[in-house]
């Protein structure tokens, strides 16, 4: 028996009340201090079901998921599923290398199975910096009942917390800034679950700001899943007075160890067990503050929420819990990252222990050193690159071009090492060997933090260090319990190495999770083909509802467009308050079906 989860997503126009009034896209904002709070603005967001952030999709291993996306935005969109592997089915990945965008006013249905996965993930809109305006929500993949979990069931329940930097400007304005050659600069703040900071300091945060409150019961233990869904800022997450027992990250159970704080980089997900074992004389702070920057200058880039015991004696007050005091110790955060290890004895989606897959005994068949540098001018435009190539998404998705024999869309000559000479535009991709074992080394020669994600897979994080990677660096690799995950941080002037088993046929995106770097071209695709498969055994056929664009636009058949949507049915009074866009998710109950 497998599970079946079905839902409808409707992107329509909506703006939640964060401040006191609606603003237009042309209204000027003061750029100093907590301007977005001081002036009590409402801001344009992409919400879901009238909510920002959106609802959590709660499913179990091997369930089939059907999601109907209704696009009522005024621009195309795609939804991607950060960390969901889409086994044999890159058609559902929701990025421009595999899917044509869903046009405004159209709907499209995703259908995929969460095959052999457990853990904490999230979904988000993948095009044109839309995630900077929201549109994200959690994905929880639970173990099947027959598979043991390496910790007791939390008696308090499951909580999801989204942290992320925030800009006052609409995502379309952020795009214009990047297109004009400008840097996005310092964010205007940090949101926790879509809300501004608690007034922990009267001189920094004005009264009247809506903040997030997490209500808990004393003595109970909660599983808290934390996702950094921001644009480009690494954040240190901490809960005042409470230890956080790390148990899982992006689908892998970890060795269990307590942290008082943990750096969560863009695109990363962690889950902790937190026991409410403190006295309830007052509420406690939940903090997400900027990292890997000049923290004294970035003081405003701090999110503050409240943890409230049911028998709390009063409001939180006093200074925030300190961030790591490592301004002169660049090794602290990296050593913390190295401490996240794979739990070798625990089972995950299957009963056999995670450690039964001994990655260190497998011979590497392909190795790529992917070097990133600060953005440069290419053909008169500011661009970002990997190995000297800045990727531009084609009008015809790569996988569709393969399926229909469309030539000239891409080339299979991505360099294994950085190119000499000035960076250039290119649409070169990596030709991965099916059932091969690939080593990817991310070399960050930029001056700011980066994190990199690979769709379709979990890779083993086997090493990271400062300086230039060399062949001798392999001698420092973790050969036993490097954690398997889908997003890895790469520190400025440092490298990170991962190993991945190419057992999932498809066209898979490798990208910077920093939205500005991704938008400017810091991505590549890995093409994995089984040459012996002539009957869709290792890759599913093109879905019947596939959208067509670019050179294949004539293949497009009449498609269901939205008629009168929930958004269109709103009253004139409600319509007058619409300042942005919303993603509507209607989740139906799960029903069991036969395999």
Protein backbone atom coordinates (compact mmCIF):
# COMPACT_ATOMS: atom_id res chain seq x y z
CA UNK A 1 0.00 0.00 0.00
CA UNK A 2 1.18 3.51 -0.72
CA UNK A 3 -0.22 6.83 0.31
CA UNK A 4 -1.75 9.46 -1.90
CA UNK A 5 -1.72 13.17 -1.17
CA UNK A 6 -3.58 15.60 -3.37
CA UNK A 7 -3.86 19.37 -3.30
CA UNK A 8 -4.53 22.50 -5.33
CA UNK A 9 -2.18 25.46 -5.44
CA UNK A 10 -3.66 28.72 -6.62
CA UNK A 11 -1.33 31.65 -7.15
CA UNK A 12 -3.46 34.74 -6.82
CA UNK A 13 -3.11 38.28 -5.59
CA UNK A 14 -2.96 38.84 -1.88
CA UNK A 15 -1.05 40.83 0.69
CA UNK A 16 -1.08 39.92 4.40
CA UNK A 17 -1.12 42.71 6.96
CA UNK A 18 2.39 43.09 8.39
CA UNK A 19 2.29 46.77 9.18
CA UNK A 20 -0.51 49.27 9.06
CA UNK A 21 -1.25 50.06 5.44
CA UNK A 22 -0.81 48.97 1.84
CA UNK A 23 1.95 50.57 -0.19
CA UNK A 24 2.43 50.78 -3.94
CA UNK A 25 5.49 49.55 -5.79
CA UNK A 26 6.58 53.13 -6.45
CA UNK A 27 6.50 54.38 -2.87
CA UNK A 28 9.89 55.45 -1.54
CA UNK A 29 11.35 53.84 1.56
CA UNK A 30 13.96 55.22 3.89
CA UNK A 31 17.13 53.11 3.68
CA UNK A 32 18.39 53.65 7.23
CA UNK A 33 17.74 51.60 10.33
CA UNK A 34 14.64 49.43 10.66
CA UNK A 35 12.87 51.53 8.05
CA UNK A 36 10.40 48.87 7.03
CA UNK A 37 9.21 48.57 10.61
CA UNK A 38 9.48 52.27 11.51
CA UNK A 39 7.08 53.26 8.74
CA UNK A 40 4.67 50.38 9.38
CA UNK A 41 4.43 49.29 5.77
CA UNK A 42 2.68 46.32 4.28
CA UNK A 43 4.82 44.60 1.70
CA UNK A 44 4.21 42.60 -1.42
CA UNK A 45 4.53 38.89 -0.78
CA UNK A 46 3.67 35.60 -2.41
CA UNK A 47 1.43 33.82 0.07
CA UNK A 48 -0.27 30.43 0.07
CA UNK A 49 -3.90 29.83 0.94
CA UNK A 50 -3.96 33.40 2.10
CA UNK A 51 -1.00 32.59 4.37
CA UNK A 52 2.61 33.65 4.43
CA UNK A 53 4.47 31.28 4.76
CA UNK A 54 2.32 28.60 3.19
CA UNK A 55 0.93 25.40 4.68
CA UNK A 56 3.18 22.44 5.36
CA UNK A 57 2.75 19.39 3.14
CA UNK A 58 2.78 16.47 5.58
CA UNK A 59 3.29 13.10 3.87
CA UNK A 60 5.03 9.75 4.43
CA UNK A 61 7.68 7.69 2.68
CA UNK A 62 6.62 6.33 -0.73
CA UNK A 63 3.42 8.35 -0.88
CA UNK A 64 2.29 9.62 -4.26
CA UNK A 65 1.78 13.38 -4.30
CA UNK A 66 -0.50 15.26 -6.70
CA UNK A 67 -0.35 19.06 -6.61
CA UNK A 68 -2.44 21.21 -8.90
CA UNK A 69 -0.87 24.64 -9.38
CA UNK A 70 -3.16 27.45 -10.49
CA UNK A 71 -1.14 30.45 -11.61
CA UNK A 72 -2.99 33.67 -11.01
CA UNK A 73 0.18 35.74 -10.82
CA UNK A 74 0.93 38.26 -13.55
CA UNK A 75 4.08 36.35 -14.55
CA UNK A 76 5.06 32.71 -15.21
CA UNK A 77 6.14 30.47 -12.35
CA UNK A 78 7.47 27.05 -11.46
CA UNK A 79 7.48 25.29 -8.09
CA UNK A 80 10.54 23.28 -7.07
CA UNK A 81 10.80 20.90 -4.12
CA UNK A 82 14.06 21.49 -2.28
CA UNK A 83 15.54 18.10 -1.38
CA UNK A 84 12.79 15.93 -2.89
CA UNK A 85 14.61 13.59 -5.27
CA UNK A 86 11.88 12.79 -7.84
CA UNK A 87 13.30 9.36 -8.52
CA UNK A 88 13.23 8.60 -12.28
CA UNK A 89 11.07 11.68 -12.74
CA UNK A 90 12.93 14.95 -13.33
CA UNK A 91 9.82 16.09 -15.23
CA UNK A 92 8.44 17.20 -11.85
CA UNK A 93 11.51 19.08 -10.65
CA UNK A 94 10.14 22.54 -11.37
CA UNK A 95 13.22 24.30 -12.77
CA UNK A 96 13.80 25.79 -16.20
CA UNK A 97 16.11 23.01 -17.36
CA UNK A 98 13.31 20.46 -17.13
CA UNK A 99 10.00 22.34 -17.26
CA UNK A 100 8.37 25.06 -19.31
CA UNK A 101 7.02 27.76 -16.99
CA UNK A 102 3.34 27.72 -16.10
CA UNK A 103 1.94 30.78 -17.87
CA UNK A 104 -0.10 33.35 -16.02
CA UNK A 105 -3.71 32.21 -15.84
CA UNK A 106 -2.89 28.54 -16.46
CA UNK A 107 -2.82 25.54 -14.19
CA UNK A 108 -0.47 22.57 -14.14
CA UNK A 109 -0.42 19.41 -12.01
CA UNK A 110 2.71 17.97 -10.42
CA UNK A 111 2.63 14.21 -9.77
CA UNK A 112 5.53 12.54 -8.00
CA UNK A 113 6.40 9.92 -5.40
CA UNK A 114 8.58 10.58 -2.35
CA UNK A 115 10.37 7.31 -2.97
CA UNK A 116 12.62 6.08 -0.14
CA UNK A 117 12.82 9.47 1.56
CA UNK A 118 12.21 10.87 5.03
CA UNK A 119 12.96 14.23 6.55
CA UNK A 120 12.58 18.00 6.43
CA UNK A 121 12.30 19.87 3.14
CA UNK A 122 10.52 22.87 1.62
CA UNK A 123 9.00 24.02 -1.66
CA UNK A 124 9.35 27.42 -3.30
CA UNK A 125 8.91 29.27 -6.62
CA UNK A 126 12.11 28.80 -8.61
CA UNK A 127 12.01 31.60 -11.18
CA UNK A 128 13.19 35.19 -11.19
CA UNK A 129 13.86 35.73 -7.45
CA UNK A 130 10.20 34.98 -6.62
CA UNK A 131 11.31 33.23 -3.42
CA UNK A 132 12.49 36.61 -2.16
CA UNK A 133 8.79 37.52 -1.97
CA UNK A 134 7.67 34.24 -0.34
CA UNK A 135 5.75 31.43 -1.97
CA UNK A 136 7.47 28.84 0.19
CA UNK A 137 6.17 26.19 2.56
CA UNK A 138 7.40 23.13 4.42
CA UNK A 139 7.47 19.51 3.32
CA UNK A 140 7.58 16.85 6.04
CA UNK A 141 8.18 13.27 4.93
CA UNK A 142 7.44 10.94 7.84
CA UNK A 143 8.79 7.44 8.35
CA UNK A 144 6.52 4.53 7.62
CA UNK A 145 5.19 3.02 10.83
CA UNK A 146 7.23 -0.15 10.31
CA UNK A 147 10.54 1.76 10.30
CA UNK A 148 12.05 2.68 13.65
CA UNK A 149 12.97 6.29 14.30
CA UNK A 150 16.20 6.82 16.32
CA UNK A 151 14.47 8.89 19.02
CA UNK A 152 11.21 8.84 20.92
CA UNK A 153 8.17 10.49 19.44
CA UNK A 154 8.10 14.09 20.71
CA UNK A 155 5.12 14.43 23.03
CA UNK A 156 4.76 18.12 22.21
CA UNK A 157 4.41 17.70 18.46
CA UNK A 158 6.09 19.06 15.35
CA UNK A 159 6.86 22.74 14.65
CA UNK A 160 8.20 24.37 11.48
CA UNK A 161 10.15 27.64 11.56
CA UNK A 162 11.16 29.57 8.45
CA UNK A 163 13.97 32.09 8.77
CA UNK A 164 15.21 34.33 6.00
CA UNK A 165 16.52 37.76 5.14
CA UNK A 166 14.04 40.23 3.70
CA UNK A 167 14.19 43.19 1.33
CA UNK A 168 11.58 45.93 1.24
CA UNK A 169 11.68 45.94 -2.53
CA UNK A 170 9.46 43.64 -4.56
CA UNK A 171 11.21 40.71 -6.24
CA UNK A 172 10.64 42.40 -9.61
CA UNK A 173 12.52 45.46 -8.34
CA UNK A 174 15.32 43.22 -7.09
CA UNK A 175 15.55 41.72 -10.58
CA UNK A 176 15.82 45.21 -12.09
CA UNK A 177 18.66 46.02 -9.69
CA UNK A 178 20.60 42.93 -10.75
CA UNK A 179 19.84 43.53 -14.43
CA UNK A 180 21.20 47.07 -14.14
CA UNK A 181 24.47 45.83 -12.68
CA UNK A 182 23.77 46.70 -9.06
CA UNK A 183 24.31 44.58 -5.96
CA UNK A 184 21.30 43.89 -3.73
CA UNK A 185 23.16 45.20 -0.71
CA UNK A 186 22.26 44.66 2.93
CA UNK A 187 18.78 43.22 3.56
CA UNK A 188 16.25 45.31 5.46
CA UNK A 189 15.69 42.67 8.14
CA UNK A 190 15.03 39.01 8.91
CA UNK A 191 11.62 37.36 9.02
CA UNK A 192 10.70 34.44 11.26
CA UNK A 193 7.64 32.67 9.87
CA UNK A 194 6.90 35.73 7.77
CA UNK A 195 6.84 38.19 10.67
CA UNK A 196 9.07 40.96 11.93
CA UNK A 197 11.05 41.18 15.16
CA UNK A 198 9.72 41.20 18.69
CA UNK A 199 10.48 44.52 20.38
CA UNK A 200 13.52 43.36 22.30
CA UNK A 201 15.10 46.83 22.16
CA UNK A 202 12.98 50.00 22.22
CA UNK A 203 15.57 52.04 20.35
CA UNK A 204 15.98 49.50 17.55
CA UNK A 205 12.46 48.14 17.08
CA UNK A 206 9.39 50.39 17.30
CA UNK A 207 6.12 49.36 18.92
CA UNK A 208 3.32 47.71 16.97
CA UNK A 209 5.28 45.16 14.95
CA UNK A 210 3.59 41.79 14.47
CA UNK A 211 5.97 39.07 15.60
CA UNK A 212 5.86 35.28 15.75
CA UNK A 213 4.96 33.52 19.00
CA UNK A 214 5.61 29.79 19.43
CA UNK A 215 3.34 28.41 22.17
CA UNK A 216 4.57 25.37 24.10
CA UNK A 217 3.76 23.36 27.20
CA UNK A 218 6.28 22.99 30.03
CA UNK A 219 8.06 19.64 30.25
CA UNK A 220 7.20 18.57 26.72
CA UNK A 221 9.62 17.88 23.88
CA UNK A 222 9.05 19.30 20.39
CA UNK A 223 10.60 18.51 17.04
CA UNK A 224 11.46 21.89 15.54
CA UNK A 225 12.28 22.02 11.82
CA UNK A 226 14.23 25.10 10.74
CA UNK A 227 14.58 26.22 7.10
CA UNK A 228 16.62 29.16 5.77
CA UNK A 229 14.46 30.34 2.87
CA UNK A 230 16.12 33.73 2.47
CA UNK A 231 17.81 35.41 -0.46
CA UNK A 232 21.50 35.29 0.41
CA UNK A 233 22.19 35.63 4.17
CA UNK A 234 23.47 32.88 6.45
CA UNK A 235 21.71 33.03 9.81
CA UNK A 236 22.62 31.83 13.28
CA UNK A 237 19.59 30.20 14.93
CA UNK A 238 19.23 29.93 18.71
CA UNK A 239 16.57 29.63 21.41
CA UNK A 240 17.36 31.46 24.62
CA UNK A 241 18.13 29.13 27.53
CA UNK A 242 17.36 25.92 25.61
CA UNK A 243 19.56 23.21 24.15
CA UNK A 244 18.75 22.04 20.63
CA UNK A 245 19.40 18.34 20.02
CA UNK A 246 20.15 17.94 16.31
CA UNK A 247 18.55 14.76 14.93
CA UNK A 248 18.10 15.21 11.17
CA UNK A 249 19.07 17.34 8.20
CA UNK A 250 17.56 17.22 4.71
CA UNK A 251 16.54 13.59 4.85
CA UNK A 252 19.38 12.08 6.88
CA UNK A 253 19.40 11.22 10.55
CA UNK A 254 22.44 12.73 12.22
CA UNK A 255 24.49 11.78 15.22
CA UNK A 256 22.62 13.35 18.11
CA UNK A 257 24.36 16.24 19.78
CA UNK A 258 23.27 19.40 21.56
CA UNK A 259 23.81 22.88 20.20
CA UNK A 260 23.09 26.20 21.87
CA UNK A 261 23.13 27.77 18.40
CA UNK A 262 23.67 26.61 14.83
CA UNK A 263 24.49 28.42 11.60
CA UNK A 264 21.80 27.68 9.00
CA UNK A 265 22.86 28.69 5.52
CA UNK A 266 20.62 29.64 2.61
CA UNK A 267 18.60 26.67 1.38
CA UNK A 268 19.47 24.42 4.33
CA UNK A 269 17.08 22.55 6.63
CA UNK A 270 17.63 21.06 10.10
CA UNK A 271 15.42 19.46 12.70
CA UNK A 272 16.03 19.52 16.44
CA UNK A 273 14.45 18.06 19.55
CA UNK A 274 13.91 20.81 22.10
CA UNK A 275 12.62 20.06 25.61
CA UNK A 276 10.79 22.81 27.47
CA UNK A 277 12.71 22.33 30.69
CA UNK A 278 13.23 25.92 31.81
CA UNK A 279 11.27 27.90 34.37
CA UNK A 280 8.36 29.90 33.05
CA UNK A 281 9.02 33.16 34.84
CA UNK A 282 9.02 34.85 31.42
CA UNK A 283 8.97 34.17 27.70
CA UNK A 284 12.17 33.29 25.83
CA UNK A 285 13.72 34.75 22.68
CA UNK A 286 14.03 32.84 19.41
CA UNK A 287 16.74 34.55 17.34
CA UNK A 288 18.02 34.38 13.77
CA UNK A 289 20.89 36.80 13.15
CA UNK A 290 23.16 37.46 10.18
CA UNK A 291 26.45 35.57 9.92
CA UNK A 292 29.61 35.79 7.82
CA UNK A 293 29.21 39.57 7.58
CA UNK A 294 30.26 42.59 9.65
CA UNK A 295 27.73 41.85 12.36
CA UNK A 296 28.03 45.27 13.99
CA UNK A 297 26.98 46.91 10.71
CA UNK A 298 24.35 44.24 10.05
CA UNK A 299 22.73 44.57 13.47
CA UNK A 300 19.34 45.30 11.95
CA UNK A 301 19.48 41.98 10.05
CA UNK A 302 18.14 40.09 13.07
CA UNK A 303 14.87 38.22 13.43
CA UNK A 304 13.37 37.78 16.89
CA UNK A 305 10.37 35.62 17.82
CA UNK A 306 9.03 34.53 21.21
CA UNK A 307 8.87 31.08 22.82
CA UNK A 308 5.97 31.17 25.27
CA UNK A 309 5.28 28.52 27.89
CA UNK A 310 1.59 27.99 28.62
CA UNK A 311 2.27 29.06 32.23
CA UNK A 312 4.57 31.94 31.34
CA UNK A 313 4.90 34.64 33.96
CA UNK A 314 5.56 37.55 31.62
CA UNK A 315 7.07 38.92 28.44
CA UNK A 316 10.63 38.34 27.30
CA UNK A 317 12.97 41.20 28.18
CA UNK A 318 16.63 42.03 28.38
CA UNK A 319 19.40 41.48 25.84
CA UNK A 320 19.24 38.77 23.18
CA UNK A 321 21.27 35.60 23.69
CA UNK A 322 24.73 36.19 22.28
CA UNK A 323 25.68 34.94 18.82
CA UNK A 324 28.96 33.03 18.51
CA UNK A 325 31.82 35.29 19.60
CA UNK A 326 34.07 34.31 16.71
CA UNK A 327 34.81 37.54 14.89
CA UNK A 328 38.51 36.64 14.93
CA UNK A 329 38.06 32.88 14.63
CA UNK A 330 36.91 31.91 11.16
CA UNK A 331 37.21 28.22 12.03
CA UNK A 332 34.32 28.19 14.54
CA UNK A 333 31.47 27.97 12.03
CA UNK A 334 33.31 25.52 9.79
CA UNK A 335 34.09 23.23 12.72
CA UNK A 336 30.43 23.41 13.69
CA UNK A 337 29.52 22.35 10.14
CA UNK A 338 32.00 19.48 10.29
CA UNK A 339 30.39 18.29 13.51
CA UNK A 340 27.17 17.42 11.66
CA UNK A 341 27.67 13.69 11.02
CA UNK A 342 25.66 10.83 9.59
CA UNK A 343 24.03 8.48 12.10
CA UNK A 344 25.42 5.19 10.79
CA UNK A 345 23.32 2.91 12.97
CA UNK A 346 19.90 4.47 12.28
CA UNK A 347 17.62 3.39 9.50
CA UNK A 348 15.97 6.12 7.44
CA UNK A 349 13.36 5.32 4.82
CA UNK A 350 14.39 1.65 4.85
CA UNK A 351 15.11 -0.68 7.77
CA UNK A 352 18.78 -1.18 6.89
CA UNK A 353 21.12 1.27 8.65
CA UNK A 354 22.18 4.41 6.80
CA UNK A 355 25.78 3.35 7.31
CA UNK A 356 25.33 0.18 5.25
CA UNK A 357 26.09 2.40 2.23
CA UNK A 358 29.87 2.73 2.50
CA UNK A 359 30.65 5.56 0.15
CA UNK A 360 34.38 5.49 0.91
CA UNK A 361 34.73 2.07 -0.73
CA UNK A 362 33.38 3.27 -4.11
CA UNK A 363 35.77 4.43 -6.82
CA UNK A 364 35.21 7.95 -8.13
CA UNK A 365 34.52 7.87 -11.87
CA UNK A 366 34.15 11.61 -12.55
CA UNK A 367 35.46 14.68 -10.70
CA UNK A 368 34.61 18.34 -11.23
CA UNK A 369 36.13 21.33 -9.50
CA UNK A 370 33.44 24.05 -9.65
CA UNK A 371 35.00 27.44 -8.99
CA UNK A 372 32.91 30.51 -8.22
CA UNK A 373 34.16 34.08 -8.20
CA UNK A 374 32.61 37.48 -7.58
CA UNK A 375 30.27 38.68 -10.36
CA UNK A 376 31.97 40.21 -13.40
CA UNK A 377 30.87 41.95 -16.57
CA UNK A 378 30.22 39.64 -19.52
CA UNK A 379 29.00 41.12 -22.80
CA UNK A 380 28.15 44.34 -21.03
CA UNK A 381 26.11 42.74 -18.25
CA UNK A 382 26.96 41.80 -14.68
CA UNK A 383 27.01 38.00 -14.43
CA UNK A 384 28.05 35.19 -12.08
CA UNK A 385 29.78 32.03 -13.27
CA UNK A 386 31.02 28.55 -12.42
CA UNK A 387 34.35 27.56 -13.98
CA UNK A 388 34.20 30.71 -16.09
CA UNK A 389 30.80 29.87 -17.65
CA UNK A 390 27.66 31.86 -16.86
CA UNK A 391 24.56 29.79 -17.56
CA UNK A 392 21.50 31.20 -19.29
CA UNK A 393 18.31 29.09 -19.20
CA UNK A 394 17.21 28.14 -22.72
CA UNK A 395 13.78 28.85 -24.17
CA UNK A 396 13.46 25.09 -24.71
CA UNK A 397 14.07 23.11 -21.50
CA UNK A 398 17.10 20.84 -21.74
CA UNK A 399 15.26 17.62 -20.98
CA UNK A 400 12.49 18.37 -23.48
CA UNK A 401 15.12 19.14 -26.11
CA UNK A 402 16.66 15.72 -25.46
CA UNK A 403 13.31 13.96 -25.69
CA UNK A 404 12.43 15.55 -29.04
CA UNK A 405 15.89 15.59 -30.57
CA UNK A 406 16.15 19.38 -30.68
CA UNK A 407 19.78 20.22 -31.42
CA UNK A 408 21.83 23.20 -30.39
CA UNK A 409 20.08 23.84 -27.08
CA UNK A 410 23.14 22.88 -25.00
CA UNK A 411 26.56 21.27 -25.25
CA UNK A 412 28.06 18.42 -23.23
CA UNK A 413 31.48 19.97 -22.67
CA UNK A 414 31.35 21.57 -19.25
CA UNK A 415 34.97 21.86 -18.10
CA UNK A 416 36.25 19.68 -15.25
CA UNK A 417 38.42 22.57 -14.06
CA UNK A 418 38.04 26.36 -14.33
CA UNK A 419 38.63 27.77 -17.79
CA UNK A 420 41.52 30.10 -18.43
CA UNK A 421 40.71 33.51 -19.80
CA UNK A 422 37.80 35.83 -19.07
CA UNK A 423 34.39 34.36 -18.12
CA UNK A 424 31.82 33.99 -20.89
CA UNK A 425 28.21 33.07 -21.41
CA UNK A 426 27.52 29.40 -22.09
CA UNK A 427 25.01 26.62 -21.94
CA UNK A 428 27.36 23.76 -21.33
CA UNK A 429 26.29 20.94 -19.01
CA UNK A 430 27.94 17.99 -17.27
CA UNK A 431 27.60 14.60 -18.93
CA UNK A 432 27.16 12.32 -15.92
CA UNK A 433 27.75 8.58 -16.21
CA UNK A 434 24.75 6.51 -15.12
CA UNK A 435 25.66 4.51 -12.00
CA UNK A 436 28.92 6.37 -11.82
CA UNK A 437 30.27 7.99 -8.66
CA UNK A 438 30.96 11.71 -8.99
CA UNK A 439 33.09 14.03 -6.91
CA UNK A 440 32.10 17.70 -6.89
CA UNK A 441 34.41 20.24 -5.30
CA UNK A 442 32.91 23.69 -4.78
CA UNK A 443 35.66 26.32 -4.63
CA UNK A 444 34.40 29.70 -3.39
CA UNK A 445 36.81 32.41 -4.48
CA UNK A 446 34.25 35.11 -3.72
CA UNK A 447 34.38 37.21 -0.57
CA UNK A 448 30.92 36.20 0.65
CA UNK A 449 29.24 33.01 1.84
CA UNK A 450 27.70 30.65 -0.70
CA UNK A 451 25.67 27.46 -0.51
CA UNK A 452 25.11 24.99 -3.33
CA UNK A 453 22.26 22.59 -3.97
CA UNK A 454 21.83 19.56 -6.22
CA UNK A 455 18.40 18.43 -7.35
CA UNK A 456 17.60 14.73 -7.71
CA UNK A 457 20.12 13.51 -5.16
CA UNK A 458 21.54 13.60 -1.67
CA UNK A 459 25.32 13.92 -1.74
CA UNK A 460 27.84 13.03 0.95
CA UNK A 461 29.62 16.03 2.44
CA UNK A 462 33.13 14.64 2.87
CA UNK A 463 35.32 17.68 3.34
CA UNK A 464 35.70 21.45 3.66
CA UNK A 465 38.55 23.76 4.46
CA UNK A 466 39.94 27.22 3.80
CA UNK A 467 42.29 27.88 0.91
CA UNK A 468 42.54 26.34 -2.55
CA UNK A 469 41.55 22.69 -3.01
CA UNK A 470 44.34 20.45 -4.27
CA UNK A 471 44.63 16.75 -5.01
CA UNK A 472 46.21 16.36 -1.59
CA UNK A 473 43.00 17.69 0.01
CA UNK A 474 41.44 14.27 -0.51
CA UNK A 475 43.62 13.03 2.33
CA UNK A 476 41.52 15.12 4.73
CA UNK A 477 38.15 13.73 3.59
CA UNK A 478 35.72 12.14 6.05
CA UNK A 479 35.68 8.57 4.82
CA UNK A 480 33.06 7.20 7.21
CA UNK A 481 30.18 9.37 8.39
CA UNK A 482 29.95 12.41 6.15
CA UNK A 483 26.29 13.43 6.23
CA UNK A 484 24.11 12.91 3.14
CA UNK A 485 22.16 16.05 2.25
CA UNK A 486 21.29 18.21 -0.76
CA UNK A 487 22.67 21.66 0.19
CA UNK A 488 26.22 22.40 1.34
CA UNK A 489 27.72 25.66 2.59
CA UNK A 490 30.97 26.96 1.12
CA UNK A 491 32.82 29.59 3.12
CA UNK A 492 34.53 32.60 1.49
CA UNK A 493 37.98 31.64 0.31
CA UNK A 494 37.28 27.97 1.02
CA UNK A 495 36.17 24.73 -0.61
CA UNK A 496 33.69 21.95 0.11
CA UNK A 497 33.76 18.48 -1.43
CA UNK A 498 30.82 16.13 -1.93
CA UNK A 499 30.38 12.65 -3.40
CA UNK A 500 27.24 11.54 -5.22
CA UNK A 501 26.10 8.22 -6.68
CA UNK A 502 24.52 8.91 -10.08
CA UNK A 503 21.71 6.37 -9.87
CA UNK A 504 18.83 8.73 -10.76
CA UNK A 505 18.31 9.23 -14.49
CA UNK A 506 17.34 12.72 -15.58
CA UNK A 507 18.53 16.29 -16.07
CA UNK A 508 19.44 17.67 -12.63
CA UNK A 509 20.16 21.23 -11.56
CA UNK A 510 23.26 22.16 -9.55
CA UNK A 511 22.94 25.77 -8.39
CA UNK A 512 23.88 28.45 -5.97
CA UNK A 513 21.08 28.72 -3.42
CA UNK A 514 21.88 32.43 -3.08
CA UNK A 515 19.12 33.84 -5.26
CA UNK A 516 21.17 36.67 -6.73
CA UNK A 517 24.05 34.37 -7.76
CA UNK A 518 21.57 31.85 -9.20
CA UNK A 519 19.75 34.57 -11.15
CA UNK A 520 23.04 35.88 -12.54
CA UNK A 521 24.00 32.47 -13.95
CA UNK A 522 25.75 30.45 -11.24
CA UNK A 523 24.28 27.06 -12.09
CA UNK A 524 24.85 24.01 -14.25
CA UNK A 525 22.96 20.81 -15.06
CA UNK A 526 24.09 17.20 -14.75
CA UNK A 527 22.68 14.96 -17.49
CA UNK A 528 22.34 11.32 -16.42
CA UNK A 529 21.20 8.89 -19.14
CA UNK A 530 20.86 5.10 -19.10
CA UNK A 531 21.82 4.11 -22.66
CA UNK A 532 20.37 0.63 -22.20
CA UNK A 533 16.88 1.77 -21.20
CA UNK A 534 14.46 1.62 -24.11
CA UNK A 535 11.25 1.11 -22.14
CA UNK A 536 11.11 3.80 -19.45
CA UNK A 537 12.38 1.44 -16.75
CA UNK A 538 14.88 3.89 -15.29
CA UNK A 539 13.14 7.11 -16.29
CA UNK A 540 9.46 7.87 -16.55
CA UNK A 541 7.95 8.96 -19.83
CA UNK A 542 7.08 12.57 -20.55
CA UNK A 543 3.89 13.30 -18.60
CA UNK A 544 0.71 13.64 -20.63
CA UNK A 545 0.19 17.15 -19.33
CA UNK A 546 3.69 18.40 -20.21
CA UNK A 547 3.91 22.05 -21.18
CA UNK A 548 5.80 23.02 -24.33
CA UNK A 549 7.68 26.20 -25.12
CA UNK A 550 10.63 27.51 -27.12
CA UNK A 551 11.32 25.48 -30.25
CA UNK A 552 8.63 22.99 -29.20
CA UNK A 553 5.82 25.51 -28.62
CA UNK A 554 3.80 24.09 -31.51
CA UNK A 555 3.49 20.81 -29.56
CA UNK A 556 1.34 22.58 -26.97
CA UNK A 557 -2.24 21.36 -26.98
CA UNK A 558 -5.16 23.39 -25.60
CA UNK A 559 -4.62 23.54 -21.87
CA UNK A 560 -6.95 24.12 -18.98
CA UNK A 561 -6.86 27.78 -18.05
CA UNK A 562 -8.26 29.30 -14.94
CA UNK A 563 -11.74 30.62 -15.11
CA UNK A 564 -13.26 32.47 -12.22
CA UNK A 565 -10.82 31.77 -9.43
CA UNK A 566 -11.10 32.33 -5.74
CA UNK A 567 -9.00 35.43 -6.25
CA UNK A 568 -11.32 36.82 -8.91
CA UNK A 569 -14.33 36.20 -6.71
CA UNK A 570 -13.19 38.50 -3.97
CA UNK A 571 -15.23 41.56 -3.15
CA UNK A 572 -14.24 44.98 -4.42
CA UNK A 573 -13.30 45.96 -0.88
CA UNK A 574 -10.94 43.02 -0.59
CA UNK A 575 -9.58 43.63 -4.05
CA UNK A 576 -8.62 47.16 -3.10
CA UNK A 577 -6.23 45.71 -0.51
CA UNK A 578 -4.35 43.48 -2.96
CA UNK A 579 -0.79 44.62 -3.34
CA UNK A 580 1.03 41.43 -4.27
CA UNK A 581 0.67 37.78 -5.17
CA UNK A 582 -0.51 34.69 -3.39
CA UNK A 583 -0.13 30.94 -3.80
CA UNK A 584 -3.30 29.14 -2.69
CA UNK A 585 -2.90 25.58 -1.47
CA UNK A 586 -5.97 23.47 -0.77
CA UNK A 587 -4.77 20.23 0.80
CA UNK A 588 -7.14 17.32 0.72
CA UNK A 589 -6.97 14.50 3.21
CA UNK A 590 -4.71 11.58 2.45
CA UNK A 591 -6.32 8.43 1.13
CA UNK A 592 -4.77 4.99 0.84
CA UNK A 593 -4.65 3.40 -2.59
CA UNK A 594 -3.32 0.13 -3.91
CA UNK A 595 0.13 0.10 -5.50
